[in-house]
Amino acid sequence: MVDSTLKDPTSFECAAITLVRAAFERPRELSPADLDPLREIVGDGAIDYALVLTMFHFINRIADLLDVKQEVVPSRLRAFEFVRLAFVRMVGKVMQSMDLKTRAFAATFDETFERIQPLLPAETDPDAFAPIKSRPKIIEQLQIMLQAQQDTSLDKTTLDQVSVWVEAALPANLDEAQGIHRRPENPVEAFVFVGTRYPQRTTLEMIDSLRGQGYNDVMILDLAIAIADANQWSRLHRLLGLPAYLLVNDSGANVGGSPTESGHTSVETHDESWLRRDNPAGTQYPPSSASNL
């Protein structure tokens, strides 16, 4: 579909392809208008597709940032096409036996809001969720993200900084999503930058650099989750017209640092205007922070 090799695509497929491309090529510029063509075809079902699309931005980043192999077949056997084909057919048979039907979401809007309310800023108005009132499952997804922030091994200021760096690195056009750009010198910021623009370019050397900053395996995992969550949310809130502050706190951070004595990673905080509720759209990535290819 995305490669434009599908013959006679339906109007739904065309709308879906356009949305997938926009979320990859220009996520910074996304808005509810990008979801309108799909909404005209499937109604509020477009909200479900937005959730699925952004979930893949989470899943793919976790896989790329942590070097999760796509192939289960050992590399030395992949050269034999019949081995790969046999494995694909075997997986296909297993998938066919699975019940992959979409489950009905039983909880009501009021019930899901009540569950998430303790994790939200005290002054959060339920009307902030008005665009997704017909799909309270989105609130549950946000709750999962907020809970991950509670359970992480990373310091709160580091989580805020990850959100700042993700938003700053978020592509506004195809060149920013695919081109060759200078990476930040700071290993943590570089991990966030690459993980946002082109996570498939993550290298083992970058992981080693994080360990050189004092990050252990659990902290690297939590950092990858924070990057993936921020990338999913940056697209989801734009497409659905939700306030960015529902996931991101009003305070930002400036300089990446090493783990503190408590085992958490700490960074210096400073104000970031993009985090303010009256300016959720974001700022351009600071040129001065990028130096190394």
C-alpha atoms as a PDB file:
ATOM      1  CA  MET A   1       0.000   0.000   0.000  1.00  0.00           C
ATOM      2  CA  VAL A   2       2.589   2.545   1.096  1.00  0.00           C
ATOM      3  CA  ASP A   3       4.832   1.692  -1.871  1.00  0.00           C
ATOM      4  CA  SER A   4       1.949   2.634  -4.198  1.00  0.00           C
ATOM      5  CA  THR A   5       2.066  -0.786  -5.869  1.00  0.00           C
ATOM      6  CA  LEU A   6      -1.465  -1.733  -4.804  1.00  0.00           C
ATOM      7  CA  LYS A   7      -3.748  -2.005  -7.812  1.00  0.00           C
ATOM      8  CA  ASP A   8      -7.056  -0.118  -7.715  1.00  0.00           C
ATOM      9  CA  PRO A   9      -6.908   0.941  -4.042  1.00  0.00           C
ATOM     10  CA  THR A  10     -10.202   1.786  -2.394  1.00  0.00           C
ATOM     11  CA  SER A  11     -10.964   5.238  -1.008  1.00  0.00           C
ATOM     12  CA  PHE A  12     -10.337   3.862   2.477  1.00  0.00           C
ATOM     13  CA  GLU A  13      -6.950   2.474   1.454  1.00  0.00           C
ATOM     14  CA  CYS A  14      -5.970   5.778  -0.157  1.00  0.00           C
ATOM     15  CA  ALA A  15      -6.933   7.706   2.977  1.00  0.00           C
ATOM     16  CA  ALA A  16      -5.057   5.224   5.178  1.00  0.00           C
ATOM     17  CA  ILE A  17      -1.935   5.410   3.004  1.00  0.00           C
ATOM     18  CA  THR A  18      -1.974   9.198   3.088  1.00  0.00           C
ATOM     19  CA  LEU A  19      -2.269   9.180   6.883  1.00  0.00           C
ATOM     20  CA  VAL A  20       0.549   6.665   7.328  1.00  0.00           C
ATOM     21  CA  ARG A  21       2.843   8.755   5.145  1.00  0.00           C
ATOM     22  CA  ALA A  22       1.974  11.989   6.929  1.00  0.00           C
ATOM     23  CA  ALA A  23       2.693  10.470  10.345  1.00  0.00           C
ATOM     24  CA  PHE A  24       6.113   9.376   9.077  1.00  0.00           C
ATOM     25  CA  GLU A  25       7.129  12.298   6.865  1.00  0.00           C
ATOM     26  CA  ARG A  26       5.763  15.319   8.774  1.00  0.00           C
ATOM     27  CA  PRO A  27       4.544  14.400  12.265  1.00  0.00           C
ATOM     28  CA  ARG A  28       5.289  17.911  13.521  1.00  0.00           C
ATOM     29  CA  GLU A  29       2.685  19.302  11.109  1.00  0.00           C
ATOM     30  CA  LEU A  30      -0.065  16.772  11.880  1.00  0.00           C
ATOM     31  CA  SER A  31      -3.506  18.064  12.848  1.00  0.00           C
ATOM     32  CA  PRO A  32      -7.077  16.725  13.079  1.00  0.00           C
ATOM     33  CA  ALA A  33      -7.464  17.737   9.431  1.00  0.00           C
ATOM     34  CA  ASP A  34      -5.144  14.857   8.506  1.00  0.00           C
ATOM     35  CA  LEU A  35      -7.658  12.452  10.014  1.00  0.00           C
ATOM     36  CA  ASP A  36     -10.686  14.006   8.283  1.00  0.00           C
ATOM     37  CA  PRO A  37     -10.468  11.990   5.002  1.00  0.00           C
ATOM     38  CA  LEU A  38     -10.527   8.752   6.993  1.00  0.00           C
ATOM     39  CA  ARG A  39     -13.247  10.072   9.293  1.00  0.00           C
ATOM     40  CA  GLU A  40     -15.454  10.807   6.283  1.00  0.00           C
ATOM     41  CA  ILE A  41     -15.281   7.118   5.372  1.00  0.00           C
ATOM     42  CA  VAL A  42     -15.385   5.312   8.727  1.00  0.00           C
ATOM     43  CA  GLY A  43     -16.674   7.990  11.109  1.00  0.00           C
ATOM     44  CA  ASP A  44     -15.244   7.875  14.618  1.00  0.00           C
ATOM     45  CA  GLY A  45     -13.570   4.619  13.637  1.00  0.00           C
ATOM     46  CA  ALA A  46     -10.827   6.938  12.383  1.00  0.00           C
ATOM     47  CA  ILE A  47      -9.878   7.439  16.038  1.00  0.00           C
ATOM     48  CA  ASP A  48      -9.207   3.710  16.310  1.00  0.00           C
ATOM     49  CA  TYR A  49      -6.982   3.803  13.239  1.00  0.00           C
ATOM     50  CA  ALA A  50      -5.087   6.772  14.676  1.00  0.00           C
ATOM     51  CA  LEU A  51      -4.416   4.750  17.822  1.00  0.00           C
ATOM     52  CA  VAL A  52      -3.216   1.717  15.845  1.00  0.00           C
ATOM     53  CA  LEU A  53      -0.987   3.874  13.640  1.00  0.00           C
ATOM     54  CA  THR A  54       0.656   5.627  16.568  1.00  0.00           C
ATOM     55  CA  MET A  55       1.042   2.352  18.468  1.00  0.00           C
ATOM     56  CA  PHE A  56       3.240   1.089  15.642  1.00  0.00           C
ATOM     57  CA  HIS A  57       5.430   4.173  16.092  1.00  0.00           C
ATOM     58  CA  PHE A  58       5.870   2.989  19.682  1.00  0.00           C
ATOM     59  CA  ILE A  59       6.457  -0.688  18.841  1.00  0.00           C
ATOM     60  CA  ASN A  60       8.885  -0.047  15.988  1.00  0.00           C
ATOM     61  CA  ARG A  61      10.975   2.314  18.114  1.00  0.00           C
ATOM     62  CA  ILE A  62      11.252  -0.175  20.940  1.00  0.00           C
ATOM     63  CA  ALA A  63      12.418  -2.809  18.455  1.00  0.00           C
ATOM     64  CA  ASP A  64      14.930  -0.516  16.718  1.00  0.00           C
ATOM     65  CA  LEU A  65      16.305   1.232  19.801  1.00  0.00           C
ATOM     66  CA  LEU A  66      16.861  -2.050  21.642  1.00  0.00           C
ATOM     67  CA  ASP A  67      18.019  -4.028  18.595  1.00  0.00           C
ATOM     68  CA  VAL A  68      15.173  -6.546  18.664  1.00  0.00           C
ATOM     69  CA  LYS A  69      15.762  -8.791  15.679  1.00  0.00           C
ATOM     70  CA  GLN A  70      13.017  -9.057  13.069  1.00  0.00           C
ATOM     71  CA  GLU A  71      14.127 -12.543  12.082  1.00  0.00           C
ATOM     72  CA  VAL A  72      13.871 -15.547  14.376  1.00  0.00           C
ATOM     73  CA  VAL A  73      15.702 -17.725  11.852  1.00  0.00           C
ATOM     74  CA  PRO A  74      19.474 -17.651  12.550  1.00  0.00           C
ATOM     75  CA  SER A  75      21.353 -15.375  10.149  1.00  0.00           C
ATOM     76  CA  ARG A  76      23.445 -18.214   8.728  1.00  0.00           C
ATOM     77  CA  LEU A  77      20.246 -19.956   7.558  1.00  0.00           C
ATOM     78  CA  ARG A  78      18.555 -16.921   6.027  1.00  0.00           C
ATOM     79  CA  ALA A  79      20.595 -17.290   2.841  1.00  0.00           C
ATOM     80  CA  PHE A  80      18.522 -20.371   2.067  1.00  0.00           C
ATOM     81  CA  GLU A  81      15.272 -18.975   0.701  1.00  0.00           C
ATOM     82  CA  PHE A  82      13.343 -22.213   1.257  1.00  0.00           C
ATOM     83  CA  VAL A  83      14.140 -22.014   4.994  1.00  0.00           C
ATOM     84  CA  ARG A  84      12.760 -18.484   5.260  1.00  0.00           C
ATOM     85  CA  LEU A  85       9.718 -19.396   3.196  1.00  0.00           C
ATOM     86  CA  ALA A  86       8.990 -22.412   5.393  1.00  0.00           C
ATOM     87  CA  PHE A  87       9.268 -20.255   8.501  1.00  0.00           C
ATOM     88  CA  VAL A  88       6.936 -17.593   7.064  1.00  0.00           C
ATOM     89  CA  ARG A  89       4.354 -20.236   6.209  1.00  0.00           C
ATOM     90  CA  MET A  90       4.621 -21.727   9.679  1.00  0.00           C
ATOM     91  CA  VAL A  91       4.064 -18.357  11.311  1.00  0.00           C
ATOM     92  CA  GLY A  92       1.140 -17.734   8.955  1.00  0.00           C
ATOM     93  CA  LYS A  93      -0.501 -20.980  10.057  1.00  0.00           C
ATOM     94  CA  VAL A  94      -0.087 -20.019  13.703  1.00  0.00           C
ATOM     95  CA  MET A  95      -1.540 -16.560  13.063  1.00  0.00           C
ATOM     96  CA  GLN A  96      -4.548 -18.062  11.292  1.00  0.00           C
ATOM     97  CA  SER A  97      -5.377 -20.058  14.403  1.00  0.00           C
ATOM     98  CA  MET A  98      -5.373 -16.957  16.594  1.00  0.00           C
ATOM     99  CA  ASP A  99      -8.472 -15.019  17.516  1.00  0.00           C
ATOM    100  CA  LEU A 100      -7.420 -11.504  16.497  1.00  0.00           C
ATOM    101  CA  LYS A 101     -10.880  -9.937  16.475  1.00  0.00           C
ATOM    102  CA  THR A 102     -11.205  -6.464  17.904  1.00  0.00           C
ATOM    103  CA  ARG A 103     -12.677  -6.611  21.392  1.00  0.00           C
ATOM    104  CA  ALA A 104     -15.417  -4.248  22.462  1.00  0.00           C
ATOM    105  CA  PHE A 105     -14.249  -1.682  25.005  1.00  0.00           C
ATOM    106  CA  ALA A 106     -16.663  -2.156  27.898  1.00  0.00           C
ATOM    107  CA  ALA A 107     -15.826   0.828  30.125  1.00  0.00           C
ATOM    108  CA  THR A 108     -17.638   4.145  29.713  1.00  0.00           C
ATOM    109  CA  PHE A 109     -16.035   7.547  29.276  1.00  0.00           C
ATOM    110  CA  ASP A 110     -16.807   8.496  32.888  1.00  0.00           C
ATOM    111  CA  GLU A 111     -15.307   5.257  34.185  1.00  0.00           C
ATOM    112  CA  THR A 112     -12.073   5.619  32.237  1.00  0.00           C
ATOM    113  CA  PHE A 113     -11.718   9.284  33.198  1.00  0.00           C
ATOM    114  CA  GLU A 114     -12.213   8.405  36.860  1.00  0.00           C
ATOM    115  CA  ARG A 115      -9.409   5.833  36.630  1.00  0.00           C
ATOM    116  CA  ILE A 116      -6.947   8.195  34.981  1.00  0.00           C
ATOM    117  CA  GLN A 117      -7.796  11.281  37.049  1.00  0.00           C
ATOM    118  CA  PRO A 118      -5.278  10.597  39.876  1.00  0.00           C
ATOM    119  CA  LEU A 119      -2.466  10.622  37.278  1.00  0.00           C
ATOM    120  CA  LEU A 120      -3.527  13.908  35.639  1.00  0.00           C
ATOM    121  CA  PRO A 121      -2.788  17.487  36.744  1.00  0.00           C
ATOM    122  CA  ALA A 122      -5.323  18.460  39.395  1.00  0.00           C
ATOM    123  CA  GLU A 123      -6.920  21.157  37.245  1.00  0.00           C
ATOM    124  CA  THR A 124      -7.516  18.919  34.205  1.00  0.00           C
ATOM    125  CA  ASP A 125     -11.005  19.445  32.819  1.00  0.00           C
ATOM    126  CA  PRO A 126     -12.855  16.383  31.454  1.00  0.00           C
ATOM    127  CA  ASP A 127     -13.677  18.555  28.424  1.00  0.00           C
ATOM    128  CA  ALA A 128     -10.025  18.196  27.394  1.00  0.00           C
ATOM    129  CA  PHE A 129     -11.029  14.704  26.272  1.00  0.00           C
ATOM    130  CA  ALA A 130     -14.067  15.852  24.311  1.00  0.00           C
ATOM    131  CA  PRO A 131     -12.560  14.920  20.889  1.00  0.00           C
ATOM    132  CA  ILE A 132     -12.345  11.260  21.956  1.00  0.00           C
ATOM    133  CA  LYS A 133     -15.470  10.947  24.091  1.00  0.00           C
ATOM    134  CA  SER A 134     -16.775   8.241  21.752  1.00  0.00           C
ATOM    135  CA  ARG A 135     -13.538   6.270  22.141  1.00  0.00           C
ATOM    136  CA  PRO A 136     -12.611   6.133  25.869  1.00  0.00           C
ATOM    137  CA  LYS A 137      -9.999   3.497  25.007  1.00  0.00           C
ATOM    138  CA  ILE A 138      -7.715   6.432  24.125  1.00  0.00           C
ATOM    139  CA  ILE A 139      -7.911   7.553  27.741  1.00  0.00           C
ATOM    140  CA  GLU A 140      -6.843   4.087  28.827  1.00  0.00           C
ATOM    141  CA  GLN A 141      -3.852   4.278  26.470  1.00  0.00           C
ATOM    142  CA  LEU A 142      -2.867   7.618  27.987  1.00  0.00           C
ATOM    143  CA  GLN A 143      -3.230   6.058  31.423  1.00  0.00           C
ATOM    144  CA  ILE A 144      -0.740   3.344  30.440  1.00  0.00           C
ATOM    145  CA  MET A 145       1.742   6.023  29.346  1.00  0.00           C
ATOM    146  CA  LEU A 146       1.293   8.009  32.549  1.00  0.00           C
ATOM    147  CA  GLN A 147       1.697   4.872  34.651  1.00  0.00           C
ATOM    148  CA  ALA A 148       4.929   4.098  32.816  1.00  0.00           C
ATOM    149  CA  GLN A 149       6.211   7.502  33.926  1.00  0.00           C
ATOM    150  CA  GLN A 150       5.385   6.570  37.514  1.00  0.00           C
ATOM    151  CA  ASP A 151       7.145   3.205  37.325  1.00  0.00           C
ATOM    152  CA  THR A 152      10.291   4.232  35.434  1.00  0.00           C
ATOM    153  CA  SER A 153      13.829   4.132  36.808  1.00  0.00           C
ATOM    154  CA  LEU A 154      14.470   7.551  35.234  1.00  0.00           C
ATOM    155  CA  ASP A 155      14.244  10.829  37.085  1.00  0.00           C
ATOM    156  CA  LYS A 156      11.214  13.005  36.391  1.00  0.00           C
ATOM    157  CA  THR A 157      13.332  15.795  34.950  1.00  0.00           C
ATOM    158  CA  THR A 158      14.862  13.336  32.501  1.00  0.00           C
ATOM    159  CA  LEU A 159      11.383  12.307  31.337  1.00  0.00           C
ATOM    160  CA  ASP A 160      10.545  15.970  30.798  1.00  0.00           C
ATOM    161  CA  GLN A 161      13.773  16.431  28.859  1.00  0.00           C
ATOM    162  CA  VAL A 162      13.058  13.438  26.635  1.00  0.00           C
ATOM    163  CA  SER A 163       9.728  15.035  25.706  1.00  0.00           C
ATOM    164  CA  VAL A 164      11.471  18.323  24.914  1.00  0.00           C
ATOM    165  CA  TRP A 165      14.091  16.624  22.736  1.00  0.00           C
ATOM    166  CA  VAL A 166      11.528  14.447  20.939  1.00  0.00           C
ATOM    167  CA  GLU A 167       9.370  17.443  20.155  1.00  0.00           C
ATOM    168  CA  ALA A 168      12.394  19.422  18.956  1.00  0.00           C
ATOM    169  CA  ALA A 169      13.595  16.581  16.700  1.00  0.00           C
ATOM    170  CA  LEU A 170      10.164  15.701  15.329  1.00  0.00           C
ATOM    171  CA  PRO A 171      10.331  15.827  11.497  1.00  0.00           C
ATOM    172  CA  ALA A 172       8.396  18.509   9.670  1.00  0.00           C
ATOM    173  CA  ASN A 173       9.203  17.171   6.202  1.00  0.00           C
ATOM    174  CA  LEU A 174      10.586  14.129   4.406  1.00  0.00           C
ATOM    175  CA  ASP A 175      14.184  15.373   4.466  1.00  0.00           C
ATOM    176  CA  GLU A 176      14.097  15.625   8.257  1.00  0.00           C
ATOM    177  CA  ALA A 177      12.663  12.103   8.451  1.00  0.00           C
ATOM    178  CA  GLN A 178      15.157  10.491   6.090  1.00  0.00           C
ATOM    179  CA  GLY A 179      18.093  12.823   5.489  1.00  0.00           C
ATOM    180  CA  ILE A 180      21.599  12.886   6.933  1.00  0.00           C
ATOM    181  CA  HIS A 181      21.863  15.251   9.891  1.00  0.00           C
ATOM    182  CA  ARG A 182      24.383  16.084  12.561  1.00  0.00           C
ATOM    183  CA  ARG A 183      23.719  14.304  15.847  1.00  0.00           C
ATOM    184  CA  PRO A 184      23.944  15.917  19.283  1.00  0.00           C
ATOM    185  CA  GLU A 185      27.172  15.311  21.169  1.00  0.00           C
ATOM    186  CA  ASN A 186      25.379  14.308  24.358  1.00  0.00           C
ATOM    187  CA  PRO A 187      24.861  10.490  24.186  1.00  0.00           C
ATOM    188  CA  VAL A 188      21.403  10.678  25.774  1.00  0.00           C
ATOM    189  CA  GLU A 189      20.216  13.457  23.490  1.00  0.00           C
ATOM    190  CA  ALA A 190      21.695  11.651  20.480  1.00  0.00           C
ATOM    191  CA  PHE A 191      19.752   8.514  21.435  1.00  0.00           C
ATOM    192  CA  VAL A 192      16.550  10.568  21.599  1.00  0.00           C
ATOM    193  CA  PHE A 193      17.316  12.403  18.339  1.00  0.00           C
ATOM    194  CA  VAL A 194      18.004   9.249  16.327  1.00  0.00           C
ATOM    195  CA  GLY A 195      15.144   7.417  18.044  1.00  0.00           C
ATOM    196  CA  THR A 196      12.764  10.143  16.920  1.00  0.00           C
ATOM    197  CA  ARG A 197      13.917  10.774  13.350  1.00  0.00           C
ATOM    198  CA  TYR A 198      15.179   7.373  12.198  1.00  0.00           C
ATOM    199  CA  PRO A 199      15.327   4.764  14.987  1.00  0.00           C
ATOM    200  CA  GLN A 200      16.492   2.081  12.528  1.00  0.00           C
ATOM    201  CA  ARG A 201      19.862   3.865  12.499  1.00  0.00           C
ATOM    202  CA  THR A 202      20.464   3.176  16.187  1.00  0.00           C
ATOM    203  CA  THR A 203      23.827   1.490  16.700  1.00  0.00           C
ATOM    204  CA  LEU A 204      25.324  -0.664  19.427  1.00  0.00           C
ATOM    205  CA  GLU A 205      27.936   2.070  19.865  1.00  0.00           C
ATOM    206  CA  MET A 206      25.156   4.443  20.900  1.00  0.00           C
ATOM    207  CA  ILE A 207      24.011   1.930  23.526  1.00  0.00           C
ATOM    208  CA  ASP A 208      27.584   1.623  24.770  1.00  0.00           C
ATOM    209  CA  SER A 209      27.774   5.421  25.038  1.00  0.00           C
ATOM    210  CA  LEU A 210      24.716   5.366  27.298  1.00  0.00           C
ATOM    211  CA  ARG A 211      26.418   2.802  29.496  1.00  0.00           C
ATOM    212  CA  GLY A 212      29.407   5.132  29.596  1.00  0.00           C
ATOM    213  CA  GLN A 213      27.054   7.729  31.082  1.00  0.00           C
ATOM    214  CA  GLY A 214      26.122   5.289  33.856  1.00  0.00           C
ATOM    215  CA  TYR A 215      22.981   3.809  32.358  1.00  0.00           C
ATOM    216  CA  ASN A 216      22.328   0.160  33.165  1.00  0.00           C
ATOM    217  CA  ASP A 217      20.130  -2.154  31.079  1.00  0.00           C
ATOM    218  CA  VAL A 218      16.926  -1.294  32.946  1.00  0.00           C
ATOM    219  CA  MET A 219      17.538   2.423  32.545  1.00  0.00           C
ATOM    220  CA  ILE A 220      18.268   2.028  28.820  1.00  0.00           C
ATOM    221  CA  LEU A 221      15.000   0.106  28.483  1.00  0.00           C
ATOM    222  CA  ASP A 222      13.113   2.839  30.334  1.00  0.00           C
ATOM    223  CA  LEU A 223      14.771   5.497  28.183  1.00  0.00           C
ATOM    224  CA  ALA A 224      13.663   3.665  25.036  1.00  0.00           C
ATOM    225  CA  ILE A 225      10.115   3.422  26.423  1.00  0.00           C
ATOM    226  CA  ALA A 226      10.103   7.150  27.206  1.00  0.00           C
ATOM    227  CA  ILE A 227      11.249   7.973  23.659  1.00  0.00           C
ATOM    228  CA  ALA A 228       8.681   5.627  22.112  1.00  0.00           C
ATOM    229  CA  ASP A 229       5.878   6.972  24.317  1.00  0.00           C
ATOM    230  CA  ALA A 230       6.748  10.569  23.468  1.00  0.00           C
ATOM    231  CA  ASN A 231       6.783   9.768  19.748  1.00  0.00           C
ATOM    232  CA  GLN A 232       3.438   8.023  19.932  1.00  0.00           C
ATOM    233  CA  TRP A 233       1.878  10.832  21.957  1.00  0.00           C
ATOM    234  CA  SER A 234       3.284  13.590  19.728  1.00  0.00           C
ATOM    235  CA  ARG A 235       1.358  12.101  16.800  1.00  0.00           C
ATOM    236  CA  LEU A 236      -1.745  10.998  18.687  1.00  0.00           C
ATOM    237  CA  HIS A 237      -2.506  14.281  20.409  1.00  0.00           C
ATOM    238  CA  ARG A 238      -2.050  16.216  17.167  1.00  0.00           C
ATOM    239  CA  LEU A 239      -4.318  13.923  15.152  1.00  0.00           C
ATOM    240  CA  LEU A 240      -7.040  13.847  17.796  1.00  0.00           C
ATOM    241  CA  GLY A 241      -6.857  17.482  18.904  1.00  0.00           C
ATOM    242  CA  LEU A 242      -5.875  16.651  22.481  1.00  0.00           C
ATOM    243  CA  PRO A 243      -3.804  19.012  24.654  1.00  0.00           C
ATOM    244  CA  ALA A 244      -0.122  18.036  24.705  1.00  0.00           C
ATOM    245  CA  TYR A 245       0.110  18.727  28.446  1.00  0.00           C
ATOM    246  CA  LEU A 246      -2.030  15.684  29.294  1.00  0.00           C
ATOM    247  CA  LEU A 247       1.129  13.577  29.088  1.00  0.00           C
ATOM    248  CA  VAL A 248       3.923  16.158  29.262  1.00  0.00           C
ATOM    249  CA  ASN A 249       4.471  18.283  32.348  1.00  0.00           C
ATOM    250  CA  ASP A 250       4.858  22.059  32.167  1.00  0.00           C
ATOM    251  CA  SER A 251       8.518  21.968  33.143  1.00  0.00           C
ATOM    252  CA  GLY A 252      11.295  21.093  30.728  1.00  0.00           C
ATOM    253  CA  ALA A 253      14.974  20.305  31.020  1.00  0.00           C
ATOM    254  CA  ASN A 254      18.111  21.374  29.278  1.00  0.00           C
ATOM    255  CA  VAL A 255      21.267  19.314  29.665  1.00  0.00           C
ATOM    256  CA  GLY A 256      21.447  15.508  29.697  1.00  0.00           C
ATOM    257  CA  GLY A 257      23.290  14.030  32.636  1.00  0.00           C
ATOM    258  CA  SER A 258      24.479  10.872  34.329  1.00  0.00           C
ATOM    259  CA  PRO A 259      22.592   8.842  36.914  1.00  0.00           C
ATOM    260  CA  THR A 260      22.461  10.398  40.348  1.00  0.00           C
ATOM    261  CA  GLU A 261      23.500   8.647  43.540  1.00  0.00           C
ATOM    262  CA  SER A 262      19.928   7.445  43.940  1.00  0.00           C
ATOM    263  CA  GLY A 263      20.196   5.561  40.665  1.00  0.00           C
ATOM    264  CA  HIS A 264      17.989   7.938  38.728  1.00  0.00           C
ATOM    265  CA  THR A 265      19.122  10.090  35.847  1.00  0.00           C
ATOM    266  CA  SER A 266      18.914  13.813  36.465  1.00  0.00           C
ATOM    267  CA  VAL A 267      19.129  16.799  34.148  1.00  0.00           C
ATOM    268  CA  GLU A 268      18.963  20.521  34.751  1.00  0.00           C
ATOM    269  CA  THR A 269      15.521  22.002  34.233  1.00  0.00           C
ATOM    270  CA  HIS A 270      14.539  25.139  32.404  1.00  0.00           C
ATOM    271  CA  ASP A 271      11.448  26.570  30.790  1.00  0.00           C
ATOM    272  CA  GLU A 272      10.387  25.291  27.374  1.00  0.00           C
ATOM    273  CA  SER A 273       7.627  27.374  25.796  1.00  0.00           C
ATOM    274  CA  TRP A 274       6.353  24.456  23.715  1.00  0.00           C
ATOM    275  CA  LEU A 275       5.254  22.720  26.908  1.00  0.00           C
ATOM    276  CA  ARG A 276       2.946  25.557  27.879  1.00  0.00           C
ATOM    277  CA  ARG A 277      -0.688  24.864  27.332  1.00  0.00           C
ATOM    278  CA  ASP A 278      -1.118  27.877  25.087  1.00  0.00           C
ATOM    279  CA  ASN A 279       1.683  26.693  22.770  1.00  0.00           C
ATOM    280  CA  PRO A 280       1.542  22.913  22.300  1.00  0.00           C
ATOM    281  CA  ALA A 281       2.812  22.926  18.727  1.00  0.00           C
ATOM    282  CA  GLY A 282       6.531  22.815  19.463  1.00  0.00           C
ATOM    283  CA  THR A 283       9.723  24.583  18.492  1.00  0.00           C
ATOM    284  CA  GLN A 284      12.437  23.963  15.912  1.00  0.00           C
ATOM    285  CA  TYR A 285      15.349  21.732  16.855  1.00  0.00           C
ATOM    286  CA  PRO A 286      18.191  23.910  18.166  1.00  0.00           C
ATOM    287  CA  PRO A 287      20.977  23.880  15.519  1.00  0.00           C
ATOM    288  CA  SER A 288      23.616  24.541  18.141  1.00  0.00           C
ATOM    289  CA  SER A 289      22.931  21.231  19.875  1.00  0.00           C
ATOM    290  CA  ALA A 290      23.836  19.106  16.876  1.00  0.00           C
ATOM    291  CA  SER A 291      27.463  18.651  16.001  1.00  0.00           C
ATOM    292  CA  ASN A 292      28.535  15.110  15.105  1.00  0.00           C
ATOM    293  CA  LEU A 293      27.534  13.074  12.071  1.00  0.00           C
END
